[in-house]
Amino acid sequence: MSEVLIRLFETSNTYAEAKARIGYLSTMEVWEPSFSKRIKAATEQNDQIKDSFGVAERVANLIKRRAAESESSK
């Protein structure tokens, strides 16, 4: 399921999709190490994500949060 949500985010076709989908990503319980790189790349490459108000910031915050969680679980 996590892979599907990441792929949907990467292929967001509208600002509304990008906003809704980053919300789903924020609540995912399973987080693979590659997901952070993928959503960062999507933010840089997909204008619907990059230009959707607040989404790029939410992506950056999510990546930071997941990195901190990963560090604390070691």
PDB file of N, CA and C in Angstrom:
ATOM      1  N   MET A   1       0.813  -1.193   0.000  1.00  0.00           N
ATOM      2  CA  MET A   1       0.000   0.000   0.000  1.00  0.00           C
ATOM      3  C   MET A   1       0.864   1.267   0.000  1.00  0.00           C
ATOM      4  N   SER A   2       1.950   1.247   0.760  1.00  0.00           N
ATOM      5  CA  SER A   2       2.834   2.414   0.828  1.00  0.00           C
ATOM      6  C   SER A   2       3.396   2.751  -0.549  1.00  0.00           C
ATOM      7  N   GLU A   3       3.800   1.732  -1.276  1.00  0.00           N
ATOM      8  CA  GLU A   3       4.362   1.940  -2.613  1.00  0.00           C
ATOM      9  C   GLU A   3       3.340   2.615  -3.529  1.00  0.00           C
ATOM     10  N   VAL A   4       2.102   2.198  -3.415  1.00  0.00           N
ATOM     11  CA  VAL A   4       1.035   2.774  -4.234  1.00  0.00           C
ATOM     12  C   VAL A   4       0.851   4.255  -3.906  1.00  0.00           C
ATOM     13  N   LEU A   5       0.846   4.588  -2.632  1.00  0.00           N
ATOM     14  CA  LEU A   5       0.671   5.989  -2.233  1.00  0.00           C
ATOM     15  C   LEU A   5       1.831   6.858  -2.713  1.00  0.00           C
ATOM     16  N   ILE A   6       3.038   6.341  -2.636  1.00  0.00           N
ATOM     17  CA  ILE A   6       4.201   7.093  -3.131  1.00  0.00           C
ATOM     18  C   ILE A   6       4.064   7.329  -4.626  1.00  0.00           C
ATOM     19  N   ARG A   7       3.683   6.284  -5.352  1.00  0.00           N
ATOM     20  CA  ARG A   7       3.546   6.401  -6.813  1.00  0.00           C
ATOM     21  C   ARG A   7       2.441   7.396  -7.167  1.00  0.00           C
ATOM     22  N   LEU A   8       1.335   7.351  -6.448  1.00  0.00           N
ATOM     23  CA  LEU A   8       0.264   8.315  -6.704  1.00  0.00           C
ATOM     24  C   LEU A   8       0.743   9.745  -6.470  1.00  0.00           C
ATOM     25  N   PHE A   9       1.508   9.956  -5.400  1.00  0.00           N
ATOM     26  CA  PHE A   9       2.043  11.285  -5.135  1.00  0.00           C
ATOM     27  C   PHE A   9       2.954  11.725  -6.274  1.00  0.00           C
ATOM     28  N   GLU A  10       3.854  10.837  -6.694  1.00  0.00           N
ATOM     29  CA  GLU A  10       4.794  11.174  -7.766  1.00  0.00           C
ATOM     30  C   GLU A  10       4.076  11.583  -9.047  1.00  0.00           C
ATOM     31  N   THR A  11       2.899  11.025  -9.284  1.00  0.00           N
ATOM     32  CA  THR A  11       2.186  11.275 -10.543  1.00  0.00           C
ATOM     33  C   THR A  11       1.006  12.228 -10.371  1.00  0.00           C
ATOM     34  N   SER A  12       1.012  13.016  -9.321  1.00  0.00           N
ATOM     35  CA  SER A  12      -0.072  13.979  -9.102  1.00  0.00           C
ATOM     36  C   SER A  12      -0.230  14.871 -10.328  1.00  0.00           C
ATOM     37  N   ASN A  13      -1.480  14.983 -10.797  1.00  0.00           N
ATOM     38  CA  ASN A  13      -1.756  15.763 -12.010  1.00  0.00           C
ATOM     39  C   ASN A  13      -2.346  17.137 -11.728  1.00  0.00           C
ATOM     40  N   THR A  14      -2.708  17.383 -10.487  1.00  0.00           N
ATOM     41  CA  THR A  14      -3.277  18.688 -10.129  1.00  0.00           C
ATOM     42  C   THR A  14      -2.722  19.123  -8.773  1.00  0.00           C
ATOM     43  N   TYR A  15      -2.887  20.406  -8.492  1.00  0.00           N
ATOM     44  CA  TYR A  15      -2.475  20.916  -7.187  1.00  0.00           C
ATOM     45  C   TYR A  15      -3.272  20.223  -6.084  1.00  0.00           C
ATOM     46  N   ALA A  16      -4.554  20.020  -6.328  1.00  0.00           N
ATOM     47  CA  ALA A  16      -5.419  19.385  -5.330  1.00  0.00           C
ATOM     48  C   ALA A  16      -4.962  17.958  -5.043  1.00  0.00           C
ATOM     49  N   GLU A  17      -4.586  17.218  -6.078  1.00  0.00           N
ATOM     50  CA  GLU A  17      -4.083  15.859  -5.865  1.00  0.00           C
ATOM     51  C   GLU A  17      -2.806  15.892  -5.036  1.00  0.00           C
ATOM     52  N   ALA A  18      -1.909  16.799  -5.352  1.00  0.00           N
ATOM     53  CA  ALA A  18      -0.649  16.894  -4.606  1.00  0.00           C
ATOM     54  C   ALA A  18      -0.927  17.179  -3.128  1.00  0.00           C
ATOM     55  N   LYS A  19      -1.831  18.109  -2.852  1.00  0.00           N
ATOM     56  CA  LYS A  19      -2.162  18.446  -1.457  1.00  0.00           C
ATOM     57  C   LYS A  19      -2.786  17.267  -0.735  1.00  0.00           C
ATOM     58  N   ALA A  20      -3.717  16.590  -1.379  1.00  0.00           N
ATOM     59  CA  ALA A  20      -4.374  15.454  -0.737  1.00  0.00           C
ATOM     60  C   ALA A  20      -3.385  14.322  -0.492  1.00  0.00           C
ATOM     61  N   ARG A  21      -2.557  14.064  -1.467  1.00  0.00           N
ATOM     62  CA  ARG A  21      -1.657  12.913  -1.382  1.00  0.00           C
ATOM     63  C   ARG A  21      -0.519  13.114  -0.397  1.00  0.00           C
ATOM     64  N   ILE A  22      -0.036  14.334  -0.214  1.00  0.00           N
ATOM     65  CA  ILE A  22       0.996  14.531   0.804  1.00  0.00           C
ATOM     66  C   ILE A  22       0.386  14.284   2.181  1.00  0.00           C
ATOM     67  N   GLY A  23      -0.888  14.546   2.320  1.00  0.00           N
ATOM     68  CA  GLY A  23      -1.565  14.236   3.574  1.00  0.00           C
ATOM     69  C   GLY A  23      -1.570  12.739   3.855  1.00  0.00           C
ATOM     70  N   TYR A  24      -1.814  11.938   2.824  1.00  0.00           N
ATOM     71  CA  TYR A  24      -1.779  10.481   2.982  1.00  0.00           C
ATOM     72  C   TYR A  24      -0.372  10.007   3.350  1.00  0.00           C
ATOM     73  N   LEU A  25       0.624  10.591   2.691  1.00  0.00           N
ATOM     74  CA  LEU A  25       2.000  10.172   2.964  1.00  0.00           C
ATOM     75  C   LEU A  25       2.384  10.475   4.406  1.00  0.00           C
ATOM     76  N   SER A  26       1.875  11.553   4.935  1.00  0.00           N
ATOM     77  CA  SER A  26       2.208  11.945   6.303  1.00  0.00           C
ATOM     78  C   SER A  26       1.699  10.964   7.347  1.00  0.00           C
ATOM     79  N   THR A  27       0.700  10.166   6.986  1.00  0.00           N
ATOM     80  CA  THR A  27       0.117   9.241   7.949  1.00  0.00           C
ATOM     81  C   THR A  27       0.559   7.791   7.739  1.00  0.00           C
ATOM     82  N   MET A  28       1.405   7.552   6.767  1.00  0.00           N
ATOM     83  CA  MET A  28       1.829   6.177   6.484  1.00  0.00           C
ATOM     84  C   MET A  28       2.644   5.613   7.648  1.00  0.00           C
ATOM     85  N   GLU A  29       2.365   4.375   7.993  1.00  0.00           N
ATOM     86  CA  GLU A  29       3.106   3.717   9.070  1.00  0.00           C
ATOM     87  C   GLU A  29       4.376   3.050   8.554  1.00  0.00           C
ATOM     88  N   VAL A  30       4.342   2.562   7.327  1.00  0.00           N
ATOM     89  CA  VAL A  30       5.508   1.905   6.727  1.00  0.00           C
ATOM     90  C   VAL A  30       6.235   2.937   5.876  1.00  0.00           C
ATOM     91  N   TRP A  31       7.535   3.086   6.125  1.00  0.00           N
ATOM     92  CA  TRP A  31       8.342   4.068   5.382  1.00  0.00           C
ATOM     93  C   TRP A  31       9.657   3.422   4.984  1.00  0.00           C
ATOM     94  N   GLU A  32       9.819   3.194   3.699  1.00  0.00           N
ATOM     95  CA  GLU A  32      11.063   2.625   3.169  1.00  0.00           C
ATOM     96  C   GLU A  32      12.083   3.753   2.981  1.00  0.00           C
ATOM     97  N   PRO A  33      13.365   3.456   3.136  1.00  0.00           N
ATOM     98  CA  PRO A  33      14.394   4.496   2.968  1.00  0.00           C
ATOM     99  C   PRO A  33      14.332   5.211   1.611  1.00  0.00           C
ATOM    100  N   SER A  34      13.925   4.520   0.568  1.00  0.00           N
ATOM    101  CA  SER A  34      13.876   5.127  -0.767  1.00  0.00           C
ATOM    102  C   SER A  34      12.750   6.148  -0.916  1.00  0.00           C
ATOM    103  N   PHE A  35      11.755   6.106  -0.054  1.00  0.00           N
ATOM    104  CA  PHE A  35      10.607   6.993  -0.200  1.00  0.00           C
ATOM    105  C   PHE A  35      10.995   8.465  -0.071  1.00  0.00           C
ATOM    106  N   SER A  36      11.877   8.779   0.829  1.00  0.00           N
ATOM    107  CA  SER A  36      12.290  10.181   0.997  1.00  0.00           C
ATOM    108  C   SER A  36      12.926  10.717  -0.274  1.00  0.00           C
ATOM    109  N   LYS A  37      13.806   9.937  -0.880  1.00  0.00           N
ATOM    110  CA  LYS A  37      14.448  10.366  -2.135  1.00  0.00           C
ATOM    111  C   LYS A  37      13.417  10.532  -3.243  1.00  0.00           C
ATOM    112  N   ARG A  38      12.470   9.623  -3.284  1.00  0.00           N
ATOM    113  CA  ARG A  38      11.461   9.662  -4.343  1.00  0.00           C
ATOM    114  C   ARG A  38      10.539  10.871  -4.217  1.00  0.00           C
ATOM    115  N   ILE A  39      10.095  11.186  -3.008  1.00  0.00           N
ATOM    116  CA  ILE A  39       9.191  12.332  -2.893  1.00  0.00           C
ATOM    117  C   ILE A  39       9.935  13.654  -3.063  1.00  0.00           C
ATOM    118  N   LYS A  40      11.223  13.670  -2.700  1.00  0.00           N
ATOM    119  CA  LYS A  40      12.039  14.864  -2.955  1.00  0.00           C
ATOM    120  C   LYS A  40      12.198  15.074  -4.457  1.00  0.00           C
ATOM    121  N   ALA A  41      12.499  13.991  -5.183  1.00  0.00           N
ATOM    122  CA  ALA A  41      12.644  14.078  -6.639  1.00  0.00           C
ATOM    123  C   ALA A  41      11.325  14.492  -7.288  1.00  0.00           C
ATOM    124  N   ALA A  42      10.224  13.955  -6.809  1.00  0.00           N
ATOM    125  CA  ALA A  42       8.918  14.318  -7.363  1.00  0.00           C
ATOM    126  C   ALA A  42       8.637  15.798  -7.167  1.00  0.00           C
ATOM    127  N   THR A  43       9.039  16.326  -6.021  1.00  0.00           N
ATOM    128  CA  THR A  43       8.838  17.741  -5.740  1.00  0.00           C
ATOM    129  C   THR A  43       9.643  18.605  -6.703  1.00  0.00           C
ATOM    130  N   GLU A  44      10.815  18.146  -7.074  1.00  0.00           N
ATOM    131  CA  GLU A  44      11.666  18.905  -7.990  1.00  0.00           C
ATOM    132  C   GLU A  44      11.201  18.769  -9.442  1.00  0.00           C
ATOM    133  N   GLN A  45      10.618  17.631  -9.795  1.00  0.00           N
ATOM    134  CA  GLN A  45      10.311  17.344 -11.198  1.00  0.00           C
ATOM    135  C   GLN A  45       8.856  17.576 -11.600  1.00  0.00           C
ATOM    136  N   ASN A  46       7.941  17.537 -10.652  1.00  0.00           N
ATOM    137  CA  ASN A  46       6.522  17.656 -10.964  1.00  0.00           C
ATOM    138  C   ASN A  46       6.036  19.041 -10.533  1.00  0.00           C
ATOM    139  N   ASP A  47       5.671  19.856 -11.515  1.00  0.00           N
ATOM    140  CA  ASP A  47       5.233  21.224 -11.217  1.00  0.00           C
ATOM    141  C   ASP A  47       3.955  21.269 -10.387  1.00  0.00           C
ATOM    142  N   GLN A  48       3.108  20.270 -10.521  1.00  0.00           N
ATOM    143  CA  GLN A  48       1.876  20.248  -9.740  1.00  0.00           C
ATOM    144  C   GLN A  48       2.174  20.077  -8.256  1.00  0.00           C
ATOM    145  N   ILE A  49       3.267  19.417  -7.940  1.00  0.00           N
ATOM    146  CA  ILE A  49       3.703  19.268  -6.550  1.00  0.00           C
ATOM    147  C   ILE A  49       4.490  20.502  -6.130  1.00  0.00           C
ATOM    148  N   LYS A  50       5.468  20.854  -6.951  1.00  0.00           N
ATOM    149  CA  LYS A  50       6.367  21.972  -6.625  1.00  0.00           C
ATOM    150  C   LYS A  50       5.624  23.285  -6.434  1.00  0.00           C
ATOM    151  N   ASP A  51       4.616  23.537  -7.261  1.00  0.00           N
ATOM    152  CA  ASP A  51       3.927  24.823  -7.240  1.00  0.00           C
ATOM    153  C   ASP A  51       2.642  24.832  -6.414  1.00  0.00           C
ATOM    154  N   SER A  52       2.275  23.694  -5.850  1.00  0.00           N
ATOM    155  CA  SER A  52       1.084  23.632  -5.010  1.00  0.00           C
ATOM    156  C   SER A  52       1.412  24.239  -3.654  1.00  0.00           C
ATOM    157  N   PHE A  53       0.652  25.246  -3.258  1.00  0.00           N
ATOM    158  CA  PHE A  53       0.954  26.015  -2.061  1.00  0.00           C
ATOM    159  C   PHE A  53       1.131  25.116  -0.843  1.00  0.00           C
ATOM    160  N   GLY A  54       2.327  25.182  -0.245  1.00  0.00           N
ATOM    161  CA  GLY A  54       2.616  24.483   0.993  1.00  0.00           C
ATOM    162  C   GLY A  54       3.079  23.043   0.861  1.00  0.00           C
ATOM    163  N   VAL A  55       2.933  22.456  -0.319  1.00  0.00           N
ATOM    164  CA  VAL A  55       3.262  21.040  -0.466  1.00  0.00           C
ATOM    165  C   VAL A  55       4.770  20.798  -0.387  1.00  0.00           C
ATOM    166  N   ALA A  56       5.557  21.606  -1.051  1.00  0.00           N
ATOM    167  CA  ALA A  56       7.015  21.418  -1.004  1.00  0.00           C
ATOM    168  C   ALA A  56       7.530  21.513   0.435  1.00  0.00           C
ATOM    169  N   GLU A  57       6.968  22.426   1.207  1.00  0.00           N
ATOM    170  CA  GLU A  57       7.366  22.566   2.608  1.00  0.00           C
ATOM    171  C   GLU A  57       6.958  21.340   3.419  1.00  0.00           C
ATOM    172  N   ARG A  58       5.772  20.822   3.131  1.00  0.00           N
ATOM    173  CA  ARG A  58       5.310  19.620   3.830  1.00  0.00           C
ATOM    174  C   ARG A  58       6.185  18.419   3.487  1.00  0.00           C
ATOM    175  N   VAL A  59       6.631  18.351   2.232  1.00  0.00           N
ATOM    176  CA  VAL A  59       7.540  17.276   1.823  1.00  0.00           C
ATOM    177  C   VAL A  59       8.843  17.383   2.610  1.00  0.00           C
ATOM    178  N   ALA A  60       9.411  18.578   2.665  1.00  0.00           N
ATOM    179  CA  ALA A  60      10.672  18.778   3.390  1.00  0.00           C
ATOM    180  C   ALA A  60      10.516  18.406   4.866  1.00  0.00           C
ATOM    181  N   ASN A  61       9.413  18.792   5.468  1.00  0.00           N
ATOM    182  CA  ASN A  61       9.166  18.466   6.880  1.00  0.00           C
ATOM    183  C   ASN A  61       8.989  16.964   7.081  1.00  0.00           C
ATOM    184  N   LEU A  62       8.303  16.327   6.152  1.00  0.00           N
ATOM    185  CA  LEU A  62       8.103  14.874   6.251  1.00  0.00           C
ATOM    186  C   LEU A  62       9.435  14.141   6.140  1.00  0.00           C
ATOM    187  N   ILE A  63      10.274  14.565   5.220  1.00  0.00           N
ATOM    188  CA  ILE A  63      11.591  13.937   5.057  1.00  0.00           C
ATOM    189  C   ILE A  63      12.407  14.100   6.334  1.00  0.00           C
ATOM    190  N   LYS A  64      12.392  15.285   6.928  1.00  0.00           N
ATOM    191  CA  LYS A  64      13.120  15.520   8.185  1.00  0.00           C
ATOM    192  C   LYS A  64      12.584  14.636   9.301  1.00  0.00           C
ATOM    193  N   ARG A  65      11.252  14.566   9.398  1.00  0.00           N
ATOM    194  CA  ARG A  65      10.634  13.759  10.446  1.00  0.00           C
ATOM    195  C   ARG A  65      10.999  12.284  10.299  1.00  0.00           C
ATOM    196  N   ARG A  66      10.951  11.778   9.078  1.00  0.00           N
ATOM    197  CA  ARG A  66      11.277  10.367   8.845  1.00  0.00           C
ATOM    198  C   ARG A  66      12.757  10.097   9.102  1.00  0.00           C
ATOM    199  N   ALA A  67      13.618  11.038   8.789  1.00  0.00           N
ATOM    200  CA  ALA A  67      15.043  10.869   9.075  1.00  0.00           C
ATOM    201  C   ALA A  67      15.286  10.814  10.581  1.00  0.00           C
ATOM    202  N   ALA A  68      14.603  11.680  11.318  1.00  0.00           N
ATOM    203  CA  ALA A  68      14.745  11.693  12.777  1.00  0.00           C
ATOM    204  C   ALA A  68      14.225  10.400  13.392  1.00  0.00           C
ATOM    205  N   GLU A  69      13.101   9.905  12.874  1.00  0.00           N
ATOM    206  CA  GLU A  69      12.549   8.645  13.363  1.00  0.00           C
ATOM    207  C   GLU A  69      13.501   7.485  13.083  1.00  0.00           C
ATOM    208  N   SER A  70      14.115   7.524  11.920  1.00  0.00           N
ATOM    209  CA  SER A  70      15.068   6.473  11.546  1.00  0.00           C
ATOM    210  C   SER A  70      16.276   6.486  12.465  1.00  0.00           C
ATOM    211  N   GLU A  71      16.775   7.679  12.782  1.00  0.00           N
ATOM    212  CA  GLU A  71      17.926   7.814  13.676  1.00  0.00           C
ATOM    213  C   GLU A  71      17.596   7.331  15.092  1.00  0.00           C
ATOM    214  N   SER A  72      16.404   7.667  15.543  1.00  0.00           N
ATOM    215  CA  SER A  72      16.041   7.296  16.917  1.00  0.00           C
ATOM    216  C   SER A  72      15.756   5.808  17.068  1.00  0.00           C
ATOM    217  N   SER A  73      15.487   5.127  15.961  1.00  0.00           N
ATOM    218  CA  SER A  73      15.210   3.683  16.047  1.00  0.00           C
ATOM    219  C   SER A  73      16.485   2.838  15.952  1.00  0.00           C
ATOM    220  N   LYS A  74      17.615   3.483  15.744  1.00  0.00           N
ATOM    221  CA  LYS A  74      18.896   2.740  15.643  1.00  0.00           C
ATOM    222  C   LYS A  74      19.445   2.413  17.002  1.00  0.00           C
TER     223      LYS A  74
END
